[in-house]
């Protein structure tokens, strides 16, 4: 690690065998970096939302009504919000957003991995796994009990990744509107 919370670079990964690596023709580690966004990273967060929109093919949701800078600063200052990006050559090529859920049945918390995406051109390089491993480390440092994530039926790459990293549970997911009006 390079001293900053949540930052992993390829050179430092040599000292951390649990982090995934992609080997090049010269048997070297790729130059991607994993970094936790801070309140001053609103521009990078906008790039992450654009990546989510592209990967999930839902630009409307992720880019049409971007949060204002004060909202983003507040969100990124919250210790219970994890916004991680993978960058390569200064460009956001992957990222995730997760939230801490404090539990009532025991004095513990869980971290919900809400969104995870890697650009098509950068897949199969260990970026998604590195993002999740970084989230696991950060969650453990905060005393979280578990990280959990949902996957859609038919999203075979995500299901394979999460199966490799965790225990599968079969659950049903329901969205319950907060009022009788249209959702949006």
C-alpha atoms as a PDB file:
ATOM      1  CA  UNK A   1       0.000   0.000   0.000  1.00  0.00           C
ATOM      2  CA  UNK A   2       1.278   3.487  -0.624  1.00  0.00           C
ATOM      3  CA  UNK A   3       0.192   5.073   2.674  1.00  0.00           C
ATOM      4  CA  UNK A   4      -3.156   6.520   1.545  1.00  0.00           C
ATOM      5  CA  UNK A   5      -6.248   4.734   2.797  1.00  0.00           C
ATOM      6  CA  UNK A   6      -7.638   2.443   0.145  1.00  0.00           C
ATOM      7  CA  UNK A   7      -4.976   2.975  -2.492  1.00  0.00           C
ATOM      8  CA  UNK A   8      -3.384  -0.021  -4.168  1.00  0.00           C
ATOM      9  CA  UNK A   9      -1.030   0.376  -7.071  1.00  0.00           C
ATOM     10  CA  UNK A  10       0.446  -2.313  -9.228  1.00  0.00           C
ATOM     11  CA  UNK A  11       3.952  -1.996  -7.799  1.00  0.00           C
ATOM     12  CA  UNK A  12       2.696  -2.316  -4.217  1.00  0.00           C
ATOM     13  CA  UNK A  13       0.632  -5.361  -5.233  1.00  0.00           C
ATOM     14  CA  UNK A  14       3.843  -7.368  -5.498  1.00  0.00           C
ATOM     15  CA  UNK A  15       3.974  -7.320  -1.679  1.00  0.00           C
ATOM     16  CA  UNK A  16       0.338  -8.388  -1.336  1.00  0.00           C
ATOM     17  CA  UNK A  17      -0.141 -11.864  -2.820  1.00  0.00           C
ATOM     18  CA  UNK A  18      -3.887 -11.836  -2.051  1.00  0.00           C
ATOM     19  CA  UNK A  19      -4.439  -9.065  -4.609  1.00  0.00           C
ATOM     20  CA  UNK A  20      -5.102 -10.199  -8.181  1.00  0.00           C
ATOM     21  CA  UNK A  21      -2.623  -9.514 -10.916  1.00  0.00           C
ATOM     22  CA  UNK A  22      -2.589  -9.519 -14.677  1.00  0.00           C
ATOM     23  CA  UNK A  23       0.646 -10.528 -16.243  1.00  0.00           C
ATOM     24  CA  UNK A  24       1.845  -8.875 -19.424  1.00  0.00           C
ATOM     25  CA  UNK A  25       4.058 -10.362 -22.083  1.00  0.00           C
ATOM     26  CA  UNK A  26       6.976  -9.121 -19.994  1.00  0.00           C
ATOM     27  CA  UNK A  27       5.579 -10.818 -16.848  1.00  0.00           C
ATOM     28  CA  UNK A  28       4.851  -7.522 -15.124  1.00  0.00           C
ATOM     29  CA  UNK A  29       1.800  -6.207 -13.280  1.00  0.00           C
ATOM     30  CA  UNK A  30      -0.589  -3.844 -15.063  1.00  0.00           C
ATOM     31  CA  UNK A  31      -0.550  -0.208 -13.996  1.00  0.00           C
ATOM     32  CA  UNK A  32      -4.091   0.042 -12.624  1.00  0.00           C
ATOM     33  CA  UNK A  33      -4.644   1.724  -9.259  1.00  0.00           C
ATOM     34  CA  UNK A  34      -7.486   1.245  -6.796  1.00  0.00           C
ATOM     35  CA  UNK A  35      -8.380   4.338  -4.808  1.00  0.00           C
ATOM     36  CA  UNK A  36     -11.122   5.336  -2.381  1.00  0.00           C
ATOM     37  CA  UNK A  37     -12.688   8.623  -3.409  1.00  0.00           C
ATOM     38  CA  UNK A  38     -12.702  11.530  -0.952  1.00  0.00           C
ATOM     39  CA  UNK A  39     -14.850  14.688  -0.743  1.00  0.00           C
ATOM     40  CA  UNK A  40     -12.562  16.469  -3.222  1.00  0.00           C
ATOM     41  CA  UNK A  41     -13.074  13.828  -5.913  1.00  0.00           C
ATOM     42  CA  UNK A  42     -16.427  14.951  -7.345  1.00  0.00           C
ATOM     43  CA  UNK A  43     -15.052  14.959 -10.910  1.00  0.00           C
ATOM     44  CA  UNK A  44     -13.787  11.410 -10.601  1.00  0.00           C
ATOM     45  CA  UNK A  45     -17.120  10.373  -9.086  1.00  0.00           C
ATOM     46  CA  UNK A  46     -18.851  11.823 -12.171  1.00  0.00           C
ATOM     47  CA  UNK A  47     -16.528   9.703 -14.339  1.00  0.00           C
ATOM     48  CA  UNK A  48     -17.483   6.653 -12.252  1.00  0.00           C
ATOM     49  CA  UNK A  49     -21.189   7.364 -12.780  1.00  0.00           C
ATOM     50  CA  UNK A  50     -20.572   7.681 -16.515  1.00  0.00           C
ATOM     51  CA  UNK A  51     -18.795   4.302 -16.463  1.00  0.00           C
ATOM     52  CA  UNK A  52     -21.753   2.757 -14.595  1.00  0.00           C
ATOM     53  CA  UNK A  53     -24.130   4.216 -17.197  1.00  0.00           C
ATOM     54  CA  UNK A  54     -22.088   2.809 -20.067  1.00  0.00           C
ATOM     55  CA  UNK A  55     -21.536  -0.660 -18.571  1.00  0.00           C
ATOM     56  CA  UNK A  56     -25.136  -1.041 -17.359  1.00  0.00           C
ATOM     57  CA  UNK A  57     -26.486   0.551 -20.562  1.00  0.00           C
ATOM     58  CA  UNK A  58     -28.471   3.039 -18.486  1.00  0.00           C
ATOM     59  CA  UNK A  59     -27.017   6.504 -19.082  1.00  0.00           C
ATOM     60  CA  UNK A  60     -30.318   8.125 -18.072  1.00  0.00           C
ATOM     61  CA  UNK A  61     -30.127   6.835 -14.494  1.00  0.00           C
ATOM     62  CA  UNK A  62     -26.434   7.508 -13.979  1.00  0.00           C
ATOM     63  CA  UNK A  63     -25.898  10.815 -15.794  1.00  0.00           C
ATOM     64  CA  UNK A  64     -29.158  12.704 -16.448  1.00  0.00           C
ATOM     65  CA  UNK A  65     -29.593  14.234 -12.977  1.00  0.00           C
ATOM     66  CA  UNK A  66     -26.122  14.321 -11.478  1.00  0.00           C
ATOM     67  CA  UNK A  67     -25.923  15.271  -7.800  1.00  0.00           C
ATOM     68  CA  UNK A  68     -24.708  18.788  -6.992  1.00  0.00           C
ATOM     69  CA  UNK A  69     -21.170  19.253  -5.603  1.00  0.00           C
ATOM     70  CA  UNK A  70     -22.333  19.786  -1.988  1.00  0.00           C
ATOM     71  CA  UNK A  71     -24.285  16.525  -2.027  1.00  0.00           C
ATOM     72  CA  UNK A  72     -21.285  14.656  -3.454  1.00  0.00           C
ATOM     73  CA  UNK A  73     -18.867  16.159  -0.910  1.00  0.00           C
ATOM     74  CA  UNK A  74     -21.229  15.096   1.883  1.00  0.00           C
ATOM     75  CA  UNK A  75     -21.656  11.611   0.445  1.00  0.00           C
ATOM     76  CA  UNK A  76     -17.930  11.054  -0.062  1.00  0.00           C
ATOM     77  CA  UNK A  77     -17.162  12.359   3.449  1.00  0.00           C
ATOM     78  CA  UNK A  78     -19.415   9.690   5.002  1.00  0.00           C
ATOM     79  CA  UNK A  79     -17.250   6.886   6.481  1.00  0.00           C
ATOM     80  CA  UNK A  80     -20.073   4.447   5.754  1.00  0.00           C
ATOM     81  CA  UNK A  81     -19.979   5.117   2.005  1.00  0.00           C
ATOM     82  CA  UNK A  82     -17.302   3.424  -0.080  1.00  0.00           C
ATOM     83  CA  UNK A  83     -16.659   4.775  -3.573  1.00  0.00           C
ATOM     84  CA  UNK A  84     -13.668   2.979  -5.081  1.00  0.00           C
ATOM     85  CA  UNK A  85     -12.240   3.511  -8.536  1.00  0.00           C
ATOM     86  CA  UNK A  86      -9.737   1.615 -10.615  1.00  0.00           C
ATOM     87  CA  UNK A  87      -7.763   3.945 -12.833  1.00  0.00           C
ATOM     88  CA  UNK A  88      -5.334   3.214 -15.610  1.00  0.00           C
ATOM     89  CA  UNK A  89      -3.420   6.039 -17.235  1.00  0.00           C
ATOM     90  CA  UNK A  90      -5.580   8.524 -15.312  1.00  0.00           C
ATOM     91  CA  UNK A  91      -8.867   7.164 -16.704  1.00  0.00           C
ATOM     92  CA  UNK A  92     -11.542   5.463 -14.609  1.00  0.00           C
ATOM     93  CA  UNK A  93     -11.715   1.881 -15.920  1.00  0.00           C
ATOM     94  CA  UNK A  94     -13.640   0.301 -13.048  1.00  0.00           C
ATOM     95  CA  UNK A  95     -15.273   1.097  -9.786  1.00  0.00           C
ATOM     96  CA  UNK A  96     -17.706   0.219  -7.089  1.00  0.00           C
ATOM     97  CA  UNK A  97     -20.008   1.901  -4.604  1.00  0.00           C
ATOM     98  CA  UNK A  98     -20.929   0.267  -1.299  1.00  0.00           C
ATOM     99  CA  UNK A  99     -22.746   1.295   1.865  1.00  0.00           C
ATOM    100  CA  UNK A 100     -22.444   0.328   5.519  1.00  0.00           C
ATOM    101  CA  UNK A 101     -25.635  -0.971   7.103  1.00  0.00           C
ATOM    102  CA  UNK A 102     -25.600  -0.890  10.892  1.00  0.00           C
ATOM    103  CA  UNK A 103     -27.450  -3.868  12.350  1.00  0.00           C
ATOM    104  CA  UNK A 104     -29.851  -3.960  15.281  1.00  0.00           C
ATOM    105  CA  UNK A 105     -29.745  -7.633  16.305  1.00  0.00           C
ATOM    106  CA  UNK A 106     -26.056  -7.412  17.209  1.00  0.00           C
ATOM    107  CA  UNK A 107     -23.545  -4.639  17.551  1.00  0.00           C
ATOM    108  CA  UNK A 108     -22.100  -5.039  14.069  1.00  0.00           C
ATOM    109  CA  UNK A 109     -22.458  -3.829  10.526  1.00  0.00           C
ATOM    110  CA  UNK A 110     -22.608  -5.245   7.032  1.00  0.00           C
ATOM    111  CA  UNK A 111     -21.405  -3.604   3.844  1.00  0.00           C
ATOM    112  CA  UNK A 112     -23.721  -3.717   0.830  1.00  0.00           C
ATOM    113  CA  UNK A 113     -21.859  -3.650  -2.479  1.00  0.00           C
ATOM    114  CA  UNK A 114     -24.408  -1.712  -4.535  1.00  0.00           C
ATOM    115  CA  UNK A 115     -22.735  -1.200  -7.933  1.00  0.00           C
ATOM    116  CA  UNK A 116     -19.616  -2.707  -9.487  1.00  0.00           C
ATOM    117  CA  UNK A 117     -18.471  -2.189 -13.077  1.00  0.00           C
ATOM    118  CA  UNK A 118     -15.365  -2.555 -15.214  1.00  0.00           C
ATOM    119  CA  UNK A 119     -15.169  -1.153 -18.744  1.00  0.00           C
ATOM    120  CA  UNK A 120     -15.389  -3.804 -21.447  1.00  0.00           C
ATOM    121  CA  UNK A 121     -11.856  -3.101 -22.676  1.00  0.00           C
ATOM    122  CA  UNK A 122     -10.392  -3.704 -19.211  1.00  0.00           C
ATOM    123  CA  UNK A 123     -12.151  -6.894 -18.140  1.00  0.00           C
ATOM    124  CA  UNK A 124     -10.446 -10.182 -17.285  1.00  0.00           C
ATOM    125  CA  UNK A 125      -7.489  -8.349 -15.724  1.00  0.00           C
ATOM    126  CA  UNK A 126      -8.397  -8.805 -12.056  1.00  0.00           C
ATOM    127  CA  UNK A 127      -9.768  -5.286 -11.616  1.00  0.00           C
ATOM    128  CA  UNK A 128     -13.170  -6.337 -10.227  1.00  0.00           C
ATOM    129  CA  UNK A 129     -11.514  -8.743  -7.799  1.00  0.00           C
ATOM    130  CA  UNK A 130      -9.020  -6.062  -6.712  1.00  0.00           C
ATOM    131  CA  UNK A 131     -11.901  -3.636  -6.100  1.00  0.00           C
ATOM    132  CA  UNK A 132     -13.750  -6.201  -3.975  1.00  0.00           C
ATOM    133  CA  UNK A 133     -10.588  -7.196  -2.070  1.00  0.00           C
ATOM    134  CA  UNK A 134      -9.940  -3.529  -1.297  1.00  0.00           C
ATOM    135  CA  UNK A 135     -13.537  -3.136  -0.110  1.00  0.00           C
ATOM    136  CA  UNK A 136     -13.144  -6.237   2.080  1.00  0.00           C
ATOM    137  CA  UNK A 137     -10.022  -4.769   3.684  1.00  0.00           C
ATOM    138  CA  UNK A 138     -11.629  -1.378   4.283  1.00  0.00           C
ATOM    139  CA  UNK A 139     -14.790  -3.005   5.677  1.00  0.00           C
ATOM    140  CA  UNK A 140     -12.718  -5.184   8.025  1.00  0.00           C
ATOM    141  CA  UNK A 141     -10.812  -2.123   9.229  1.00  0.00           C
ATOM    142  CA  UNK A 142     -14.183  -0.553  10.117  1.00  0.00           C
ATOM    143  CA  UNK A 143     -15.288  -3.705  11.959  1.00  0.00           C
ATOM    144  CA  UNK A 144     -17.867  -4.897   9.424  1.00  0.00           C
ATOM    145  CA  UNK A 145     -19.023  -8.489   9.717  1.00  0.00           C
ATOM    146  CA  UNK A 146     -19.582  -9.229   6.011  1.00  0.00           C
ATOM    147  CA  UNK A 147     -19.775  -7.682   2.534  1.00  0.00           C
ATOM    148  CA  UNK A 148     -22.840  -8.723   0.553  1.00  0.00           C
ATOM    149  CA  UNK A 149     -23.899  -8.181  -3.046  1.00  0.00           C
ATOM    150  CA  UNK A 150     -26.792  -9.090  -5.329  1.00  0.00           C
ATOM    151  CA  UNK A 151     -26.556 -10.379  -8.884  1.00  0.00           C
ATOM    152  CA  UNK A 152     -29.223 -10.661 -11.538  1.00  0.00           C
ATOM    153  CA  UNK A 153     -30.186 -14.033 -13.002  1.00  0.00           C
ATOM    154  CA  UNK A 154     -28.423 -14.346 -16.338  1.00  0.00           C
ATOM    155  CA  UNK A 155     -25.481 -12.112 -15.374  1.00  0.00           C
ATOM    156  CA  UNK A 156     -23.121 -15.077 -15.552  1.00  0.00           C
ATOM    157  CA  UNK A 157     -19.817 -13.173 -15.283  1.00  0.00           C
ATOM    158  CA  UNK A 158     -20.950 -11.418 -12.075  1.00  0.00           C
ATOM    159  CA  UNK A 159     -22.329 -14.655 -10.643  1.00  0.00           C
ATOM    160  CA  UNK A 160     -19.039 -16.451 -11.381  1.00  0.00           C
ATOM    161  CA  UNK A 161     -17.013 -13.659  -9.752  1.00  0.00           C
ATOM    162  CA  UNK A 162     -19.151 -13.532  -6.613  1.00  0.00           C
ATOM    163  CA  UNK A 163     -19.233 -17.347  -6.376  1.00  0.00           C
ATOM    164  CA  UNK A 164     -15.427 -17.362  -6.463  1.00  0.00           C
ATOM    165  CA  UNK A 165     -15.256 -14.820  -3.636  1.00  0.00           C
ATOM    166  CA  UNK A 166     -18.163 -15.731  -1.361  1.00  0.00           C
ATOM    167  CA  UNK A 167     -21.019 -17.954  -0.349  1.00  0.00           C
ATOM    168  CA  UNK A 168     -24.122 -17.943  -2.538  1.00  0.00           C
ATOM    169  CA  UNK A 169     -27.598 -17.488  -1.080  1.00  0.00           C
ATOM    170  CA  UNK A 170     -30.839 -17.726  -3.035  1.00  0.00           C
ATOM    171  CA  UNK A 171     -33.024 -14.740  -2.162  1.00  0.00           C
ATOM    172  CA  UNK A 172     -35.804 -12.688  -3.676  1.00  0.00           C
ATOM    173  CA  UNK A 173     -35.459  -8.924  -4.047  1.00  0.00           C
ATOM    174  CA  UNK A 174     -38.425  -6.534  -3.858  1.00  0.00           C
ATOM    175  CA  UNK A 175     -38.582  -2.787  -4.500  1.00  0.00           C
ATOM    176  CA  UNK A 176     -41.264  -1.189  -2.334  1.00  0.00           C
ATOM    177  CA  UNK A 177     -42.210   2.364  -3.284  1.00  0.00           C
ATOM    178  CA  UNK A 178     -42.141   4.904  -0.466  1.00  0.00           C
ATOM    179  CA  UNK A 179     -45.387   6.467  -1.667  1.00  0.00           C
ATOM    180  CA  UNK A 180     -48.116   5.731  -4.162  1.00  0.00           C
ATOM    181  CA  UNK A 181     -46.610   8.048  -6.798  1.00  0.00           C
ATOM    182  CA  UNK A 182     -44.480   7.057  -9.758  1.00  0.00           C
ATOM    183  CA  UNK A 183     -40.929   5.915  -9.059  1.00  0.00           C
ATOM    184  CA  UNK A 184     -38.091   7.750 -10.668  1.00  0.00           C
END
